[in-house]
Protein backbone atom coordinates (compact mmCIF):
# COMPACT_ATOMS: atom_id res chain seq x y z
CA MET A 1 145.61 223.01 132.50
CA ALA A 2 142.80 224.93 130.86
CA ASN A 3 141.09 222.99 128.09
CA THR A 4 140.45 226.06 125.98
CA SER A 5 142.90 228.53 124.53
CA PRO A 6 143.18 232.05 125.96
CA PRO A 7 141.65 234.94 124.00
CA ILE A 8 143.28 235.18 120.59
CA ARG A 9 145.93 237.88 120.20
CA GLN A 10 147.03 238.94 116.76
CA LEU A 11 150.64 238.15 115.82
CA PRO A 12 151.42 240.48 112.88
CA SER A 13 155.16 239.89 112.98
CA LEU A 14 154.63 236.21 112.20
CA THR A 15 152.65 237.23 109.13
CA GLY A 16 155.47 239.55 108.09
CA TYR A 17 157.97 236.75 108.68
CA ARG A 18 156.23 234.78 105.94
CA ALA A 19 157.33 237.45 103.45
CA ILE A 20 160.98 236.87 104.40
CA LEU A 21 160.58 233.12 104.06
CA PHE A 22 159.10 233.52 100.59
CA VAL A 23 162.09 235.61 99.50
CA ALA A 24 164.35 232.70 100.48
CA VAL A 25 162.25 230.23 98.46
CA PHE A 26 162.12 232.56 95.47
CA VAL A 27 165.88 233.15 95.41
CA THR A 28 166.51 229.41 95.69
CA HIS A 29 164.43 228.70 92.60
CA ALA A 30 165.51 231.79 90.65
CA LEU A 31 169.16 230.79 91.03
CA GLY A 32 169.02 227.00 91.27
CA ALA A 33 166.35 226.43 88.60
CA GLY A 34 166.48 229.61 86.52
CA TYR A 35 170.24 229.42 85.88
CA PHE A 36 170.29 232.95 84.46
CA PHE A 37 173.93 233.65 85.37
CA ALA A 38 176.97 232.79 83.29
CA THR A 39 178.88 232.56 86.56
CA ASN A 40 177.93 229.08 87.66
CA SER A 41 178.83 229.61 91.30
CA ILE A 42 175.99 232.15 91.53
CA ASN A 43 173.49 229.63 90.16
CA GLN A 44 174.77 226.95 92.51
CA ALA A 45 174.17 229.27 95.48
CA GLY A 46 170.51 228.43 94.95
CA THR A 47 171.01 224.76 95.69
CA TYR A 48 174.19 224.44 97.76
CA LEU A 49 173.04 226.61 100.64
CA PRO A 50 169.99 225.28 102.53
CA TYR A 51 168.05 228.52 102.97
CA GLY A 52 165.26 227.56 100.57
CA THR A 53 164.72 224.15 102.17
CA ALA A 54 164.83 225.74 105.60
CA ALA A 55 162.29 228.41 104.62
CA LEU A 56 159.86 225.85 103.24
CA SER A 57 160.17 223.76 106.40
CA THR A 58 159.50 226.86 108.46
CA PHE A 59 156.27 227.39 106.53
CA PHE A 60 155.19 223.95 107.79
CA VAL A 61 156.04 225.00 111.36
CA LEU A 62 154.16 228.26 110.93
CA SER A 63 151.05 226.44 109.76
CA GLY A 64 151.00 224.33 112.89
CA PHE A 65 151.74 227.29 115.14
CA VAL A 66 149.24 229.72 113.65
CA LEU A 67 146.38 227.26 113.32
CA THR A 68 146.82 226.11 116.92
CA TRP A 69 147.13 229.66 118.18
CA GLY A 70 144.50 231.32 116.02
CA GLU A 71 141.70 228.74 116.04
CA PRO A 72 139.27 228.80 118.98
CA TRP A 73 138.77 225.02 118.50
CA GLN A 74 135.13 225.27 119.40
CA SER A 75 133.82 225.07 115.85
CA THR A 76 133.08 221.84 114.03
CA VAL A 77 135.68 219.87 112.11
CA LEU A 78 133.78 220.45 108.88
CA ARG A 79 133.80 224.21 109.46
CA PHE A 80 137.57 224.16 109.98
CA TRP A 81 138.07 222.15 106.80
CA ARG A 82 135.80 224.53 104.88
CA ARG A 83 137.97 227.49 105.89
CA ARG A 84 141.08 225.64 104.72
CA VAL A 85 139.48 224.77 101.37
CA VAL A 86 138.47 228.39 100.82
CA LYS A 87 141.98 229.50 101.74
CA ILE A 88 144.07 227.22 99.52
CA TYR A 89 142.03 225.94 96.58
CA PRO A 90 140.82 229.02 94.62
CA GLY A 91 144.32 230.42 94.05
CA HIS A 92 145.68 226.97 93.29
CA VAL A 93 142.96 226.27 90.71
CA ILE A 94 143.64 229.61 89.01
CA VAL A 95 147.39 228.94 88.78
CA TRP A 96 146.82 225.30 87.76
CA GLY A 97 144.57 226.36 84.88
CA SER A 98 146.78 229.28 83.90
CA THR A 99 149.84 227.04 83.73
CA LEU A 100 148.11 224.60 81.39
CA LEU A 101 146.88 227.49 79.22
CA MET A 102 150.41 228.89 79.14
CA LEU A 103 151.75 225.54 77.93
CA LEU A 104 149.01 225.44 75.31
CA PHE A 105 149.60 228.91 73.86
CA VAL A 106 153.28 229.52 74.59
CA GLY A 107 154.49 225.98 74.03
CA PRO A 108 157.04 223.75 75.78
CA MET A 109 159.21 225.32 78.46
CA SER A 110 162.32 223.86 80.02
CA LEU A 111 161.08 224.30 83.59
CA LEU A 112 157.51 223.09 83.00
CA GLY A 113 157.80 220.62 80.16
CA SER A 114 155.09 220.53 77.51
CA LEU A 115 151.36 219.96 77.35
CA ASP A 116 152.00 216.64 75.61
CA GLN A 117 154.11 215.51 78.56
CA THR A 118 151.38 216.48 81.04
CA ARG A 119 149.47 213.25 81.47
CA PRO A 120 145.84 213.34 82.70
CA GLY A 121 146.48 211.24 85.81
CA PRO A 122 149.19 213.43 87.36
CA ALA A 123 147.41 216.62 86.26
CA ILE A 124 144.15 215.59 87.94
CA ALA A 125 146.00 214.48 91.07
CA ASN A 126 147.70 217.88 91.11
CA LEU A 127 144.36 219.67 90.73
CA PHE A 128 143.02 217.94 93.84
CA LEU A 129 146.37 218.34 95.65
CA VAL A 130 146.87 214.62 96.25
CA GLN A 131 149.91 214.22 93.98
CA ASP A 132 152.34 213.66 96.85
CA TRP A 133 150.77 210.33 97.76
CA THR A 134 152.08 208.77 94.55
CA PRO A 135 155.87 208.21 94.83
CA LYS A 136 156.58 208.97 91.18
CA MET A 137 158.27 212.07 89.75
CA PRO A 138 155.61 212.73 87.07
CA TYR A 139 153.05 213.03 89.87
CA VAL A 140 155.04 214.98 92.47
CA PHE A 141 156.29 217.53 89.92
CA SER A 142 153.18 217.66 87.75
CA VAL A 143 151.80 220.86 86.18
CA TYR A 144 153.62 223.62 88.10
CA GLY A 145 155.58 221.41 90.46
CA VAL A 146 156.20 223.56 93.52
CA ASN A 147 152.67 223.03 94.84
CA TRP A 148 153.81 219.64 96.12
CA SER A 149 154.25 221.45 99.43
CA VAL A 150 150.59 222.51 99.35
CA SER A 151 149.68 218.85 98.89
CA VAL A 152 151.59 218.21 102.12
CA GLU A 153 149.77 221.06 103.86
CA VAL A 154 146.41 219.51 102.93
CA VAL A 155 147.36 216.47 105.01
CA PHE A 156 148.17 218.75 107.95
CA TYR A 157 144.77 220.41 107.66
CA LEU A 158 142.98 217.07 107.56
CA ALA A 159 144.87 215.78 110.59
CA LEU A 160 144.90 218.77 112.94
CA PRO A 161 141.20 218.81 113.94
CA LEU A 162 141.54 215.11 114.82
CA LEU A 163 144.72 215.62 116.84
CA ILE A 164 144.13 218.95 118.54
CA ARG A 165 141.81 217.87 121.34
CA PRO A 166 144.16 215.14 122.62
CA ILE A 167 147.00 217.68 122.33
CA LEU A 168 145.01 220.22 124.36
CA ARG A 169 144.70 217.61 127.12
CA ILE A 170 148.48 217.13 127.42
CA ALA A 171 149.71 218.44 130.77
CA ASP A 172 151.55 221.75 130.52
CA ASN A 173 154.73 220.33 132.04
CA ARG A 174 154.90 217.59 129.38
CA LEU A 175 154.64 219.81 126.28
CA TRP A 176 158.41 220.23 125.91
CA ALA A 177 158.80 216.44 126.07
CA TRP A 178 156.37 216.05 123.15
CA PHE A 179 158.25 218.78 121.30
CA ALA A 180 161.49 216.86 121.84
CA GLY A 181 159.82 213.70 120.59
CA CYS A 182 158.95 215.42 117.32
CA ALA A 183 162.55 216.61 117.00
CA VAL A 184 163.80 213.04 117.46
CA VAL A 185 161.48 211.82 114.69
CA ILE A 186 162.74 214.59 112.39
CA VAL A 187 166.30 213.31 112.89
CA ALA A 188 165.23 209.68 112.52
CA ILE A 189 163.58 210.16 109.10
CA PRO A 190 166.70 211.11 107.04
CA THR A 191 168.70 208.60 109.05
CA ALA A 192 166.32 205.79 108.09
CA THR A 193 166.01 206.81 104.43
CA HIS A 194 169.78 207.04 104.09
CA TYR A 195 170.55 203.63 105.57
CA PHE A 196 167.53 201.57 104.59
CA LEU A 197 166.38 202.83 101.17
CA THR A 198 168.28 202.19 97.98
CA GLY A 199 167.91 202.59 94.23
CA PRO A 200 169.53 204.35 91.27
CA LEU A 201 170.52 207.98 91.73
CA ALA A 202 167.76 210.47 90.99
CA PRO A 203 168.49 213.05 88.27
CA GLY A 204 170.71 215.81 89.65
CA GLN A 205 170.85 214.17 93.10
CA ASN A 206 173.39 212.25 95.15
CA MET A 207 170.65 209.96 96.43
CA SER A 208 168.01 207.66 95.02
CA TRP A 209 164.49 208.82 94.22
CA ASN A 210 163.17 206.61 97.03
CA GLN A 211 165.44 208.40 99.49
CA ASP A 212 164.47 211.78 98.08
CA TYR A 213 160.73 211.08 98.08
CA PHE A 214 160.42 209.54 101.55
CA THR A 215 162.59 212.27 103.11
CA ASP A 216 161.27 215.34 101.34
CA PHE A 217 157.93 214.77 99.61
CA PHE A 218 156.07 212.04 101.51
CA PRO A 219 153.41 213.95 103.50
CA LEU A 220 153.76 211.97 106.72
CA ALA A 221 157.52 212.58 106.73
CA ARG A 222 156.83 216.31 107.06
CA MET A 223 154.20 215.96 109.79
CA PRO A 224 156.72 216.29 112.69
CA GLU A 225 157.68 219.77 111.45
CA PHE A 226 154.04 220.82 111.52
CA LEU A 227 153.66 219.34 115.01
CA LEU A 228 156.69 221.31 116.23
CA GLY A 229 154.63 224.42 115.49
CA VAL A 230 151.56 222.97 117.21
CA PHE A 231 153.44 222.17 120.41
CA LEU A 232 155.28 225.51 120.43
CA ALA A 233 151.95 227.33 120.20
CA ARG A 234 150.69 225.36 123.19
CA ILE A 235 153.95 226.05 125.07
CA LEU A 236 153.52 229.77 124.47
CA GLN A 237 149.84 229.65 125.42
CA THR A 238 150.66 227.96 128.71
CA GLY A 239 153.42 230.41 129.60
CA ARG A 240 156.27 227.91 129.41
CA LEU A 241 158.36 229.57 126.72
CA PRO A 242 161.76 230.77 128.02
CA ARG A 243 163.09 234.23 127.19
CA PHE A 244 165.48 234.99 124.32
CA MET A 245 164.06 232.26 122.10
CA VAL A 246 164.99 234.11 118.91
CA TRP A 247 168.67 234.08 119.84
CA TRP A 248 168.52 230.48 121.01
CA GLY A 249 166.90 229.62 117.68
CA VAL A 250 169.56 231.46 115.68
CA ALA A 251 172.39 229.78 117.57
CA LEU A 252 170.88 226.29 117.29
CA SER A 253 170.09 226.80 113.58
CA ALA A 254 173.68 227.87 112.90
CA GLY A 255 175.01 224.80 114.69
CA LEU A 256 172.63 222.46 112.86
CA THR A 257 173.57 224.04 109.52
CA ALA A 258 177.26 223.36 110.16
CA LEU A 259 176.46 219.82 111.29
CA MET A 260 174.23 219.15 108.30
CA PHE A 261 177.14 219.45 105.85
CA GLN A 262 178.88 216.64 107.73
CA LEU A 263 175.87 214.33 107.57
CA PRO A 264 174.50 212.17 104.73
CA GLU A 265 172.81 213.93 101.82
CA THR A 266 169.30 213.06 103.00
CA PHE A 267 169.70 215.45 105.94
CA ARG A 268 170.04 218.42 103.57
CA ILE A 269 166.51 217.93 102.24
CA SER A 270 164.98 217.04 105.60
CA GLY A 271 163.39 219.18 108.27
CA LEU A 272 166.52 219.10 110.44
CA LEU A 273 166.96 222.88 110.53
CA THR A 274 163.41 223.43 111.75
CA ILE A 275 164.47 222.17 115.17
CA GLY A 276 166.26 225.49 115.58
CA LEU A 277 164.24 227.68 113.25
CA CYS A 278 160.96 226.90 114.99
CA LEU A 279 162.32 228.57 118.13
CA ILE A 280 162.67 231.78 116.11
CA VAL A 281 158.98 231.50 115.19
CA ALA A 282 158.02 231.18 118.85
CA GLY A 283 160.34 234.03 119.81
CA ILE A 284 158.83 236.37 117.22
CA ALA A 285 155.35 235.52 118.51
CA ALA A 286 156.43 236.18 122.10
CA ARG A 287 157.74 239.61 121.11
CA ASP A 288 154.37 240.46 119.60
CA LEU A 289 152.61 239.40 122.78
CA ALA A 290 154.99 241.66 124.73
CA ASP A 291 154.10 244.55 122.38
CA LYS A 292 157.72 244.97 121.35
CA PRO A 293 158.17 246.94 118.10
CA SER A 294 159.29 245.05 115.02
CA TRP A 295 159.73 245.98 111.37
CA LEU A 296 158.08 242.64 110.58
CA SER A 297 154.79 244.11 111.77
CA ASN A 298 155.02 247.01 109.31
CA ARG A 299 151.79 247.22 107.32
CA PHE A 300 153.48 246.72 103.95
CA VAL A 301 155.52 243.74 105.18
CA VAL A 302 152.36 242.20 106.67
CA LEU A 303 150.61 242.63 103.30
CA LEU A 304 153.47 240.79 101.59
CA GLY A 305 153.24 238.11 104.26
CA ASN A 306 149.52 237.71 103.75
CA SER A 307 150.06 237.41 100.00
CA SER A 308 153.03 235.02 100.32
CA TYR A 309 150.89 231.95 99.61
CA ALA A 310 149.59 233.48 96.39
CA ALA A 311 153.10 234.63 95.45
CA TYR A 312 154.41 231.12 96.10
CA LEU A 313 151.81 229.67 93.74
CA VAL A 314 152.62 232.01 90.87
CA HIS A 315 156.38 232.28 91.22
CA PHE A 316 157.45 229.09 89.46
CA PRO A 317 155.21 229.43 86.37
CA LEU A 318 156.46 233.02 86.08
CA LEU A 319 160.04 231.82 86.45
CA ALA A 320 159.48 229.26 83.69
CA LEU A 321 157.95 231.93 81.44
CA ALA A 322 160.85 234.33 82.11
CA ARG A 323 163.37 231.58 81.36
CA HIS A 324 161.55 230.92 78.07
CA MET A 325 161.29 234.58 77.09
CA VAL A 326 164.97 235.41 77.59
CA GLY A 327 166.02 232.26 75.76
CA GLU A 328 166.08 228.69 77.02
CA GLY A 329 169.57 227.93 78.27
CA LYS A 330 170.87 231.44 77.61
CA GLN A 331 172.97 232.89 80.42
CA PHE A 332 173.97 236.43 81.29
CA GLY A 333 176.48 238.54 83.13
CA VAL A 334 175.96 239.53 86.74
CA GLY A 335 174.28 242.87 86.00
CA THR A 336 171.77 241.51 83.48
CA GLY A 337 171.12 238.40 85.55
CA VAL A 338 170.39 240.45 88.67
CA LEU A 339 168.07 242.71 86.65
CA ILE A 340 166.11 239.68 85.38
CA VAL A 341 165.77 238.24 88.89
CA VAL A 342 164.75 241.58 90.43
CA VAL A 343 162.12 242.30 87.77
CA LEU A 344 160.80 238.75 88.06
CA PHE A 345 160.59 239.11 91.83
CA ALA A 346 158.70 242.40 91.55
CA VAL A 347 156.20 240.93 89.07
CA THR A 348 155.76 237.87 91.26
CA GLN A 349 155.06 239.98 94.35
CA LEU A 350 152.64 242.18 92.42
CA LEU A 351 150.66 239.25 91.07
CA GLY A 352 150.72 237.63 94.51
CA VAL A 353 149.26 240.76 96.11
CA LEU A 354 146.61 241.05 93.40
CA LEU A 355 145.64 237.40 93.77
CA PHE A 356 145.42 237.81 97.54
CA LEU A 357 143.42 241.06 97.44
CA GLY A 358 141.24 240.10 94.49
CA VAL A 359 140.52 236.42 95.16
CA GLU A 360 141.85 234.94 98.40
CA ARG A 361 140.82 237.58 100.92
CA PRO A 362 137.32 238.26 99.51
CA LEU A 363 136.52 234.54 99.40
CA MET A 364 137.84 234.02 102.92
CA ARG A 365 135.65 236.85 104.19
CA ARG A 366 132.61 235.60 102.31
CA PHE A 367 132.77 231.84 102.79
CA SER A 368 135.13 230.95 105.64
CA ALA A 369 132.55 231.52 108.38
CA PRO A 370 128.74 231.53 108.62
CA ARG A 371 127.38 234.96 107.73
CA LYS A 372 125.22 235.04 110.86
CA LYS A 373 128.12 234.34 113.20
CA GLN A 374 131.46 235.72 112.08
CA ARG A 375 134.42 234.27 113.97
CA ALA A 376 137.43 236.21 115.17
CA VAL A 377 140.08 236.82 112.51
CA ALA A 378 143.11 234.54 112.81
CA PRO A 379 146.37 236.30 113.70
CA ALA A 380 148.24 235.24 110.59
CA ALA A 381 147.48 233.46 107.35
CA ALA A 382 148.40 229.79 107.51
C-alpha cells in the first residue's frame, strides 16, 4: 500500500450534496421547533421522520471523508489545526455575538430563552465550542443551541491528525473490516445507552437525559460516524469501492429506517442510518472521479454547499427571531405557514452565502496556508 494519497481530485458533487443535507436540517427545525402550522401533523413531521438526524450524521461522515481525501497529510499537525480554526471559528463567533445582541435588544424568545437565563459558564463554553463535554442541558443548548454539532466536529479535527498516519498504514484489504468495526460500534452505542443508563425522562423525550446525551451529544459517541467517512475515503483511494454504491446506500438506508422504528428510542437519535448513508457519499465521490455529470456539481448548488456551514450557524437564531416576530405560539394555516418557512429559508440561504463569501472564504484564503507556499485547494468544505 502506498503511504501517501494519490493526487487530489476535486469532488464538487460532494460539496453540492451538503446543500441538500442542510435543507433536511432546516426543515426539521422549521417544522419541529418553529411550530408555525395549525395542523399539528405538519409540525410533527419535523421530529417523527429521521431525515434531520440522518442529515446531521451525514455531515459527520462527510467531514471524515473530505478531510481524509483532500488533505495531503504532509503538513504539520499545527498547520492542519490552524486551517480548521480559520474555517469554523470566525463565523461561529459572529453568530454567537449576534445572538446575544439579539437577546439584549429584542428580548426573550421562546426558542432561545433570555439573556438573564444565559449564564456566563455555558456561554463561555459555547464560545470556545467545548459545551458538549459538560452533560448538562444548559451547556449543550447554550446561546444558539444547534452549534453543539460544531463542538463535536472540533473533537474530530483534534483527533484526525493523530489518527491518520496509523490509518494510512492499514493494509488495503483490511479497510472494509475497520469500516465494519465502526458500524458495529455505532449499533452498540444506542444499545448500551438504552439498557444501561437510566434517569427521569428528558423534556419532550421518551428517554432520560443521560440516554439522550450519551447517544446524541457526547463527542466520542459520534466519532465512529466520522471514522466511517475516513475509512471510506481510504477505500476509494485504494480502488476497493464496488460499483453502484449509491443504490446500495439507498437500499440499506431504507432498510435501516424501517428497522429503526422497531428499535428502542435511542436508535432514532443515533448514527444508525449513517451505515447506509455513508455509502451514498462514497458513491457520489466515485461518480465525480468517473467524470459522470451530476446536477449536484452545478455551480449554484456548489455555492450553496460551500455556504452550508454558515447557513447552519445562522438558521436557528433566524428561526427564533421569525417565531418571535410572527407571534410566540401563534399558528397559521398551510398557505401562510409555508410562506413563512419559504421566506425564512431564502433569508437563511442569503445570509449564509454572504457570510461565506464575505468572511469564511476570504479568511481561509488569507490565513489557512503560508503565503509563501499555498497548498492545493481541498475538494469540498468540511
